[in-house]
C-alpha atoms as a PDB file:
ATOM      1  CA  MET A   1     -33.712  -2.574  -4.189  1.00  0.00           C
ATOM      2  CA  SER A   2     -34.326  -0.727  -0.914  1.00  0.00           C
ATOM      3  CA  GLU A   3     -33.006   2.766  -0.201  1.00  0.00           C
ATOM      4  CA  ALA A   4     -30.676   1.363   2.484  1.00  0.00           C
ATOM      5  CA  ASN A   5     -29.137  -1.110   0.029  1.00  0.00           C
ATOM      6  CA  LEU A   6     -28.751   1.595  -2.622  1.00  0.00           C
ATOM      7  CA  MET A   7     -26.954   3.824  -0.120  1.00  0.00           C
ATOM      8  CA  LYS A   8     -24.739   0.918   0.971  1.00  0.00           C
ATOM      9  CA  ASP A   9     -23.779   0.190  -2.645  1.00  0.00           C
ATOM     10  CA  GLU A  10     -23.032   3.869  -3.229  1.00  0.00           C
ATOM     11  CA  ILE A  11     -20.838   4.068  -0.125  1.00  0.00           C
ATOM     12  CA  ASP A  12     -19.019   0.845  -1.068  1.00  0.00           C
ATOM     13  CA  GLU A  13     -18.315   2.159  -4.570  1.00  0.00           C
ATOM     14  CA  LEU A  14     -17.148   5.524  -3.214  1.00  0.00           C
ATOM     15  CA  LEU A  15     -14.750   3.889  -0.751  1.00  0.00           C
ATOM     16  CA  LYS A  16     -13.542   1.479  -3.421  1.00  0.00           C
ATOM     17  CA  THR A  17     -12.613   4.264  -5.851  1.00  0.00           C
ATOM     18  CA  ASN A  18     -11.338   6.694  -3.166  1.00  0.00           C
ATOM     19  CA  ASN A  19      -9.215   4.673  -0.799  1.00  0.00           C
ATOM     20  CA  ILE A  20      -8.103   6.578   2.313  1.00  0.00           C
ATOM     21  CA  ASN A  21      -4.929   5.233   3.860  1.00  0.00           C
ATOM     22  CA  GLN A  22      -5.227   4.425   7.566  1.00  0.00           C
ATOM     23  CA  ARG A  23      -1.672   5.523   8.316  1.00  0.00           C
ATOM     24  CA  HIS A  24      -0.460   9.046   9.116  1.00  0.00           C
ATOM     25  CA  SER A  25       0.236  11.270   6.133  1.00  0.00           C
ATOM     26  CA  TYR A  26       3.897  11.807   5.213  1.00  0.00           C
ATOM     27  CA  PHE A  27       3.263  15.519   5.799  1.00  0.00           C
ATOM     28  CA  GLN A  28       2.225  14.803   9.390  1.00  0.00           C
ATOM     29  CA  LEU A  29       5.204  12.518   9.986  1.00  0.00           C
ATOM     30  CA  LYS A  30       7.677  14.994   8.519  1.00  0.00           C
ATOM     31  CA  TYR A  31       6.517  18.212  10.139  1.00  0.00           C
ATOM     32  CA  PHE A  32       4.764  17.198  13.360  1.00  0.00           C
ATOM     33  CA  LEU A  33       6.622  14.068  14.500  1.00  0.00           C
ATOM     34  CA  ILE A  34      10.159  14.762  13.279  1.00  0.00           C
ATOM     35  CA  GLY A  35      10.042  18.451  12.422  1.00  0.00           C
ATOM     36  CA  LYS A  36       9.070  19.523  15.935  1.00  0.00           C
ATOM     37  CA  GLU A  37      12.245  18.033  17.371  1.00  0.00           C
ATOM     38  CA  PRO A  38      14.709  20.896  18.035  1.00  0.00           C
ATOM     39  CA  THR A  39      18.058  19.237  17.136  1.00  0.00           C
ATOM     40  CA  LEU A  40      19.450  16.811  14.568  1.00  0.00           C
ATOM     41  CA  GLN A  41      20.193  14.253  17.267  1.00  0.00           C
ATOM     42  CA  SER A  42      16.691  14.413  18.732  1.00  0.00           C
ATOM     43  CA  LYS A  43      15.260  14.033  15.226  1.00  0.00           C
ATOM     44  CA  MET A  44      17.249  10.821  14.774  1.00  0.00           C
ATOM     45  CA  TRP A  45      16.289   9.586  18.244  1.00  0.00           C
ATOM     46  CA  GLN A  46      12.644  10.186  17.374  1.00  0.00           C
ATOM     47  CA  CYS A  47      13.053   8.220  14.123  1.00  0.00           C
ATOM     48  CA  LEU A  48      14.400   5.284  16.136  1.00  0.00           C
ATOM     49  CA  ARG A  49      11.526   5.492  18.628  1.00  0.00           C
ATOM     50  CA  GLU A  50       8.970   5.479  15.830  1.00  0.00           C
ATOM     51  CA  LEU A  51      10.711   2.563  14.096  1.00  0.00           C
ATOM     52  CA  LYS A  52      10.807   0.551  17.340  1.00  0.00           C
ATOM     53  CA  THR A  53       7.087   1.119  17.970  1.00  0.00           C
ATOM     54  CA  ARG A  54       6.153   0.122  14.431  1.00  0.00           C
ATOM     55  CA  SER A  55       8.450  -2.895  14.450  1.00  0.00           C
ATOM     56  CA  GLU A  56       6.627  -4.204  17.523  1.00  0.00           C
ATOM     57  CA  SER A  57       3.277  -3.517  15.860  1.00  0.00           C
ATOM     58  CA  LEU A  58       4.317  -5.542  12.804  1.00  0.00           C
ATOM     59  CA  LYS A  59       5.264  -8.494  15.030  1.00  0.00           C
ATOM     60  CA  ASN A  60       1.879  -8.318  16.752  1.00  0.00           C
ATOM     61  CA  ILE A  61       0.108  -8.185  13.387  1.00  0.00           C
ATOM     62  CA  VAL A  62       1.816 -11.419  12.317  1.00  0.00           C
ATOM     63  CA  LEU A  63       0.649 -13.145  15.527  1.00  0.00           C
ATOM     64  CA  GLU A  64      -2.870 -11.755  15.210  1.00  0.00           C
ATOM     65  CA  ASN A  65      -3.052 -12.780  11.555  1.00  0.00           C
ATOM     66  CA  ASP A  66      -1.992 -16.362  12.384  1.00  0.00           C
ATOM     67  CA  ASP A  67      -4.578 -16.495  15.165  1.00  0.00           C
ATOM     68  CA  LEU A  68      -7.367 -15.358  12.801  1.00  0.00           C
ATOM     69  CA  LYS A  69      -6.387 -17.978  10.218  1.00  0.00           C
ATOM     70  CA  ASP A  70      -6.488 -20.694  12.882  1.00  0.00           C
ATOM     71  CA  LYS A  71      -9.973 -19.571  13.924  1.00  0.00           C
ATOM     72  CA  ILE A  72     -11.130 -19.772  10.304  1.00  0.00           C
ATOM     73  CA  GLU A  73      -9.704 -23.263   9.998  1.00  0.00           C
ATOM     74  CA  ILE A  74     -11.514 -24.350  13.177  1.00  0.00           C
ATOM     75  CA  LEU A  75     -14.782 -22.932  11.799  1.00  0.00           C
ATOM     76  CA  ASP A  76     -14.301 -24.876   8.561  1.00  0.00           C
ATOM     77  CA  ILE A  77     -13.813 -28.065  10.567  1.00  0.00           C
ATOM     78  CA  SER A  78     -16.944 -27.296  12.616  1.00  0.00           C
ATOM     79  CA  VAL A  79     -19.020 -26.797   9.456  1.00  0.00           C
ATOM     80  CA  LYS A  80     -17.752 -30.078   7.995  1.00  0.00           C
ATOM     81  CA  ARG A  81     -18.753 -31.846  11.221  1.00  0.00           C
ATOM     82  CA  ILE A  82     -22.222 -30.302  11.157  1.00  0.00           C
ATOM     83  CA  LEU A  83     -22.737 -31.235   7.500  1.00  0.00           C
ATOM     84  CA  TYR A  84     -21.538 -34.774   8.229  1.00  0.00           C
ATOM     85  CA  ASP A  85     -23.962 -35.086  11.158  1.00  0.00           C
ATOM     86  CA  MET A  86     -26.810 -33.705   9.013  1.00  0.00           C
ATOM     87  CA  LYS A  87     -26.111 -36.286   6.323  1.00  0.00           C
ATOM     88  CA  ASN A  88     -25.750 -39.204   8.699  1.00  0.00           C
ATOM     89  CA  HIS A  89     -28.250 -38.349  11.417  1.00  0.00           C
ATOM     90  CA  LYS A  90     -30.422 -41.240  12.622  1.00  0.00           C
ATOM     91  CA  ILE A  91     -33.304 -39.694  14.515  1.00  0.00           C
ATOM     92  CA  SER A  92     -36.436 -41.789  14.205  1.00  0.00           C
ATOM     93  CA  ASP A  93     -38.781 -39.108  15.473  1.00  0.00           C
ATOM     94  CA  GLU A  94     -39.727 -36.916  12.489  1.00  0.00           C
ATOM     95  CA  PHE A  95     -40.289 -33.768  14.590  1.00  0.00           C
ATOM     96  CA  LEU A  96     -36.930 -34.067  16.400  1.00  0.00           C
ATOM     97  CA  ALA A  97     -35.211 -34.793  13.087  1.00  0.00           C
ATOM     98  CA  GLU A  98     -36.659 -31.598  11.596  1.00  0.00           C
ATOM     99  CA  LEU A  99     -35.509 -29.553  14.604  1.00  0.00           C
ATOM    100  CA  PHE A 100     -32.062 -31.095  14.365  1.00  0.00           C
ATOM    101  CA  LEU A 101     -31.753 -30.141  10.667  1.00  0.00           C
ATOM    102  CA  LYS A 102     -32.973 -26.574  11.272  1.00  0.00           C
ATOM    103  CA  GLU A 103     -30.578 -26.126  14.182  1.00  0.00           C
ATOM    104  CA  SER A 104     -27.709 -27.496  12.079  1.00  0.00           C
ATOM    105  CA  GLU A 105     -28.503 -25.110   9.212  1.00  0.00           C
ATOM    106  CA  ILE A 106     -28.480 -22.168  11.630  1.00  0.00           C
ATOM    107  CA  LYS A 107     -25.121 -23.253  13.040  1.00  0.00           C
ATOM    108  CA  VAL A 108     -23.694 -23.424   9.501  1.00  0.00           C
ATOM    109  CA  ARG A 109     -24.956 -19.893   8.740  1.00  0.00           C
ATOM    110  CA  GLN A 110     -23.501 -18.620  12.020  1.00  0.00           C
ATOM    111  CA  ALA A 111     -20.152 -20.191  11.209  1.00  0.00           C
ATOM    112  CA  GLU A 112     -20.189 -18.618   7.730  1.00  0.00           C
ATOM    113  CA  ARG A 113     -20.894 -15.173   9.211  1.00  0.00           C
ATOM    114  CA  GLN A 114     -18.085 -15.617  11.735  1.00  0.00           C
ATOM    115  CA  LYS A 115     -15.768 -16.695   8.936  1.00  0.00           C
ATOM    116  CA  ASN A 116     -16.697 -13.645   6.844  1.00  0.00           C
ATOM    117  CA  SER A 117     -16.028 -11.397   9.834  1.00  0.00           C
ATOM    118  CA  LEU A 118     -12.621 -13.005  10.397  1.00  0.00           C
ATOM    119  CA  GLU A 119     -11.732 -12.632   6.713  1.00  0.00           C
ATOM    120  CA  ILE A 120     -12.623  -8.923   6.902  1.00  0.00           C
ATOM    121  CA  SER A 121     -10.362  -8.623   9.953  1.00  0.00           C
ATOM    122  CA  ILE A 122      -7.523 -10.253   7.998  1.00  0.00           C
ATOM    123  CA  LYS A 123      -7.976  -7.703   5.180  1.00  0.00           C
ATOM    124  CA  GLU A 124      -7.952  -4.847   7.712  1.00  0.00           C
ATOM    125  CA  LEU A 125      -4.779  -6.268   9.255  1.00  0.00           C
ATOM    126  CA  ALA A 126      -3.155  -6.381   5.818  1.00  0.00           C
ATOM    127  CA  GLU A 127      -4.083  -2.728   5.289  1.00  0.00           C
ATOM    128  CA  ARG A 128      -2.647  -1.789   8.685  1.00  0.00           C
ATOM    129  CA  GLU A 129       0.507  -3.739   7.917  1.00  0.00           C
ATOM    130  CA  ARG A 130       0.933  -1.957   4.588  1.00  0.00           C
ATOM    131  CA  GLY A 131       0.497   1.448   6.227  1.00  0.00           C
ATOM    132  CA  ILE A 132       2.979   0.654   9.003  1.00  0.00           C
ATOM    133  CA  LYS A 133       5.560  -0.584   6.498  1.00  0.00           C
ATOM    134  CA  GLU A 134       5.175   2.636   4.503  1.00  0.00           C
ATOM    135  CA  GLU A 135       5.743   4.656   7.672  1.00  0.00           C
ATOM    136  CA  CYS A 136       8.792   2.512   8.533  1.00  0.00           C
ATOM    137  CA  LYS A 137      10.252   3.187   5.098  1.00  0.00           C
ATOM    138  CA  PHE A 138       9.706   6.914   5.593  1.00  0.00           C
ATOM    139  CA  PHE A 139      11.410   7.017   9.023  1.00  0.00           C
ATOM    140  CA  LEU A 140      14.285   4.880   7.769  1.00  0.00           C
ATOM    141  CA  GLU A 141      14.932   7.245   4.862  1.00  0.00           C
ATOM    142  CA  VAL A 142      14.731  10.317   7.105  1.00  0.00           C
ATOM    143  CA  PHE A 143      17.145   8.728   9.581  1.00  0.00           C
ATOM    144  CA  LYS A 144      19.670   7.892   6.837  1.00  0.00           C
ATOM    145  CA  ASN A 145      19.490  11.408   5.406  1.00  0.00           C
ATOM    146  CA  LEU A 146      20.002  12.988   8.839  1.00  0.00           C
ATOM    147  CA  GLU A 147      22.912  10.688   9.623  1.00  0.00           C
ATOM    148  CA  LYS A 148      24.659  11.937   6.479  1.00  0.00           C
ATOM    149  CA  ILE A 149      24.659  15.407   8.055  1.00  0.00           C
ATOM    150  CA  GLU A 150      25.713  14.281  11.522  1.00  0.00           C
ATOM    151  CA  PRO A 151      26.436  10.757  12.860  1.00  0.00           C
ATOM    152  CA  ILE A 152      24.023   9.632  15.543  1.00  0.00           C
ATOM    153  CA  LYS A 153      25.244   9.847  19.110  1.00  0.00           C
ATOM    154  CA  HIS A 154      24.246   7.843  22.153  1.00  0.00           C
ATOM    155  CA  PHE A 155      21.017   8.987  23.780  1.00  0.00           C
ATOM    156  CA  ASP A 156      22.902   9.823  26.991  1.00  0.00           C
ATOM    157  CA  ASP A 157      25.647  11.776  25.224  1.00  0.00           C
ATOM    158  CA  LEU A 158      26.139  14.791  27.488  1.00  0.00           C
ATOM    159  CA  GLU A 159      26.670  17.439  24.811  1.00  0.00           C
ATOM    160  CA  SER A 160      23.737  16.177  22.744  1.00  0.00           C
ATOM    161  CA  GLN A 161      21.443  16.260  25.775  1.00  0.00           C
ATOM    162  CA  LYS A 162      22.608  19.744  26.722  1.00  0.00           C
ATOM    163  CA  GLU A 163      21.947  20.997  23.190  1.00  0.00           C
ATOM    164  CA  TYR A 164      18.542  19.306  23.097  1.00  0.00           C
ATOM    165  CA  TRP A 165      17.288  20.719  26.397  1.00  0.00           C
ATOM    166  CA  HIS A 166      18.721  24.146  25.676  1.00  0.00           C
ATOM    167  CA  GLU A 167      16.848  24.356  22.360  1.00  0.00           C
ATOM    168  CA  LYS A 168      13.634  22.798  23.673  1.00  0.00           C
ATOM    169  CA  LEU A 169      13.348  24.895  26.833  1.00  0.00           C
ATOM    170  CA  SER A 170      14.494  28.084  25.113  1.00  0.00           C
ATOM    171  CA  GLN A 171      11.756  27.648  22.535  1.00  0.00           C
ATOM    172  CA  LYS A 172       9.114  27.066  25.217  1.00  0.00           C
ATOM    173  CA  ILE A 173      10.223  30.065  27.281  1.00  0.00           C
ATOM    174  CA  ASN A 174      10.364  32.348  24.241  1.00  0.00           C
ATOM    175  CA  LEU A 175       6.917  31.265  23.102  1.00  0.00           C
ATOM    176  CA  LYS A 176       5.439  31.767  26.577  1.00  0.00           C
ATOM    177  CA  ILE A 177       6.949  35.244  26.782  1.00  0.00           C
ATOM    178  CA  LEU A 178       5.928  36.253  23.266  1.00  0.00           C
ATOM    179  CA  THR A 179       2.387  34.920  23.470  1.00  0.00           C
ATOM    180  CA  GLN A 180       1.998  36.068  27.105  1.00  0.00           C
ATOM    181  CA  GLY A 181       0.129  32.845  27.723  1.00  0.00           C
ATOM    182  CA  SER A 182      -2.696  33.922  25.379  1.00  0.00           C
ATOM    183  CA  ILE A 183      -2.078  31.017  22.984  1.00  0.00           C
ATOM    184  CA  ASP A 184      -1.241  27.453  23.921  1.00  0.00           C
ATOM    185  CA  SER A 185       2.495  27.087  23.294  1.00  0.00           C
ATOM    186  CA  GLU A 186       1.907  23.547  21.958  1.00  0.00           C
ATOM    187  CA  ILE A 187      -0.239  24.994  19.168  1.00  0.00           C
ATOM    188  CA  VAL A 188       2.418  27.599  18.361  1.00  0.00           C
ATOM    189  CA  GLU A 189       5.107  24.893  18.271  1.00  0.00           C
ATOM    190  CA  THR A 190       2.977  22.880  15.847  1.00  0.00           C
ATOM    191  CA  ILE A 191       2.457  25.936  13.632  1.00  0.00           C
ATOM    192  CA  ILE A 192       6.178  26.738  13.621  1.00  0.00           C
ATOM    193  CA  ALA A 193       6.918  23.156  12.532  1.00  0.00           C
ATOM    194  CA  LEU A 194       4.888  23.712   9.342  1.00  0.00           C
ATOM    195  CA  PRO A 195       6.557  24.480   5.969  1.00  0.00           C
ATOM    196  CA  ASP A 196       7.503  28.136   5.462  1.00  0.00           C
ATOM    197  CA  ASP A 197       4.950  28.723   2.691  1.00  0.00           C
ATOM    198  CA  VAL A 198       1.921  27.895   4.881  1.00  0.00           C
ATOM    199  CA  LYS A 199      -0.032  31.106   5.566  1.00  0.00           C
ATOM    200  CA  ILE A 200      -0.795  30.416   9.224  1.00  0.00           C
ATOM    201  CA  LYS A 201       2.924  29.994   9.891  1.00  0.00           C
ATOM    202  CA  GLN A 202       3.732  33.277   8.124  1.00  0.00           C
ATOM    203  CA  GLN A 203       0.993  35.083  10.063  1.00  0.00           C
ATOM    204  CA  THR A 204       2.072  33.570  13.378  1.00  0.00           C
ATOM    205  CA  LEU A 205       5.755  34.422  12.850  1.00  0.00           C
ATOM    206  CA  GLN A 206       4.786  37.962  11.886  1.00  0.00           C
ATOM    207  CA  THR A 207       2.730  38.293  15.061  1.00  0.00           C
ATOM    208  CA  LEU A 208       5.549  36.854  17.182  1.00  0.00           C
ATOM    209  CA  ASN A 209       8.068  39.228  15.596  1.00  0.00           C
ATOM    210  CA  LEU A 210       5.803  42.188  16.328  1.00  0.00           C
ATOM    211  CA  LYS A 211       5.386  41.076  19.924  1.00  0.00           C
ATOM    212  CA  GLN A 212       9.125  40.536  20.225  1.00  0.00           C
ATOM    213  CA  ASN A 213       9.830  44.049  18.901  1.00  0.00           C
ATOM    214  CA  GLU A 214       7.239  45.497  21.282  1.00  0.00           C
ATOM    215  CA  LEU A 215       8.835  43.630  24.170  1.00  0.00           C
ATOM    216  CA  LEU A 216      12.340  44.808  23.213  1.00  0.00           C
ATOM    217  CA  GLN A 217      11.054  48.383  22.885  1.00  0.00           C
ATOM    218  CA  LYS A 218       9.530  48.207  26.373  1.00  0.00           C
ATOM    219  CA  ILE A 219      12.828  46.912  27.757  1.00  0.00           C
ATOM    220  CA  THR A 220      14.703  49.715  25.975  1.00  0.00           C
ATOM    221  CA  ASP A 221      12.255  52.362  27.231  1.00  0.00           C
ATOM    222  CA  THR A 222      12.484  51.027  30.758  1.00  0.00           C
ATOM    223  CA  ALA A 223      16.281  51.070  30.600  1.00  0.00           C
ATOM    224  CA  LYS A 224      16.229  54.685  29.350  1.00  0.00           C
ATOM    225  CA  LYS A 225      13.921  55.703  32.190  1.00  0.00           C
ATOM    226  CA  PHE A 226      16.281  54.188  34.753  1.00  0.00           C
ATOM    227  CA  GLU A 227      19.225  55.867  33.050  1.00  0.00           C
ATOM    228  CA  THR A 228      17.432  59.244  33.053  1.00  0.00           C
ATOM    229  CA  ARG A 229      16.550  58.858  36.723  1.00  0.00           C
ATOM    230  CA  ASN A 230      20.160  58.020  37.586  1.00  0.00           C
ATOM    231  CA  ILE A 231      21.403  61.103  35.712  1.00  0.00           C
ATOM    232  CA  GLU A 232      18.846  63.315  37.437  1.00  0.00           C
ATOM    233  CA  ALA A 233      19.777  61.860  40.816  1.00  0.00           C
ATOM    234  CA  GLN A 234      23.451  62.554  40.161  1.00  0.00           C
ATOM    235  CA  VAL A 235      22.635  66.131  39.125  1.00  0.00           C
ATOM    236  CA  ASP A 236      20.599  66.651  42.288  1.00  0.00           C
ATOM    237  CA  LYS A 237      23.508  65.371  44.351  1.00  0.00           C
ATOM    238  CA  GLY A 238      25.871  67.755  42.569  1.00  0.00           C
ATOM    239  CA  ASN A 239      23.670  70.695  43.394  1.00  0.00           C
END
């Protein structure tokens, strides 16, 4: 067996025994898709958006799967026709008959390769479908758990929108001020969305707290300077 075939067999065995799901991890869905939303309502809205997107994907998968099966069926019919023609061909010229048989055999092999490719596509579709359904189940459970805390409100509910934009913009402004534009605020938002026991989150929050304290101290010092100047100016006026 050639080195290329040995490597292929090794890769196939490795992938067979260590299947990697094509969907997002539950960790990613929980902390980066839902967790980054600033309010309960926006978390539920995001769940609905994700469910809608995946529902449409599932419908498209069904259509694509049916289309692939039809193509396989057409290929099977084509092969049967070719085999029938090969069996019943009536070409008197021996050379032309040989060419006809060789061409027919090639067409059968081509059809078999196309069929194998389509069958692989069907398996990939099934894997995608399984991953999407798992994600749907996750978002559905998250939505139900959130709705137990607070019933969902209409997307255009005034108070919900006010709360959402207040929290979202406040977070962005605070991050811009604290990082002084040195770190991309999107990265900081992603880090903050992580679980509390992740080291990078702890380090980042510590750094932000230090910067916040420094900023507050500067504001306090500046206020004291103005206050001192005002007192001195009043004293000068008194003299």
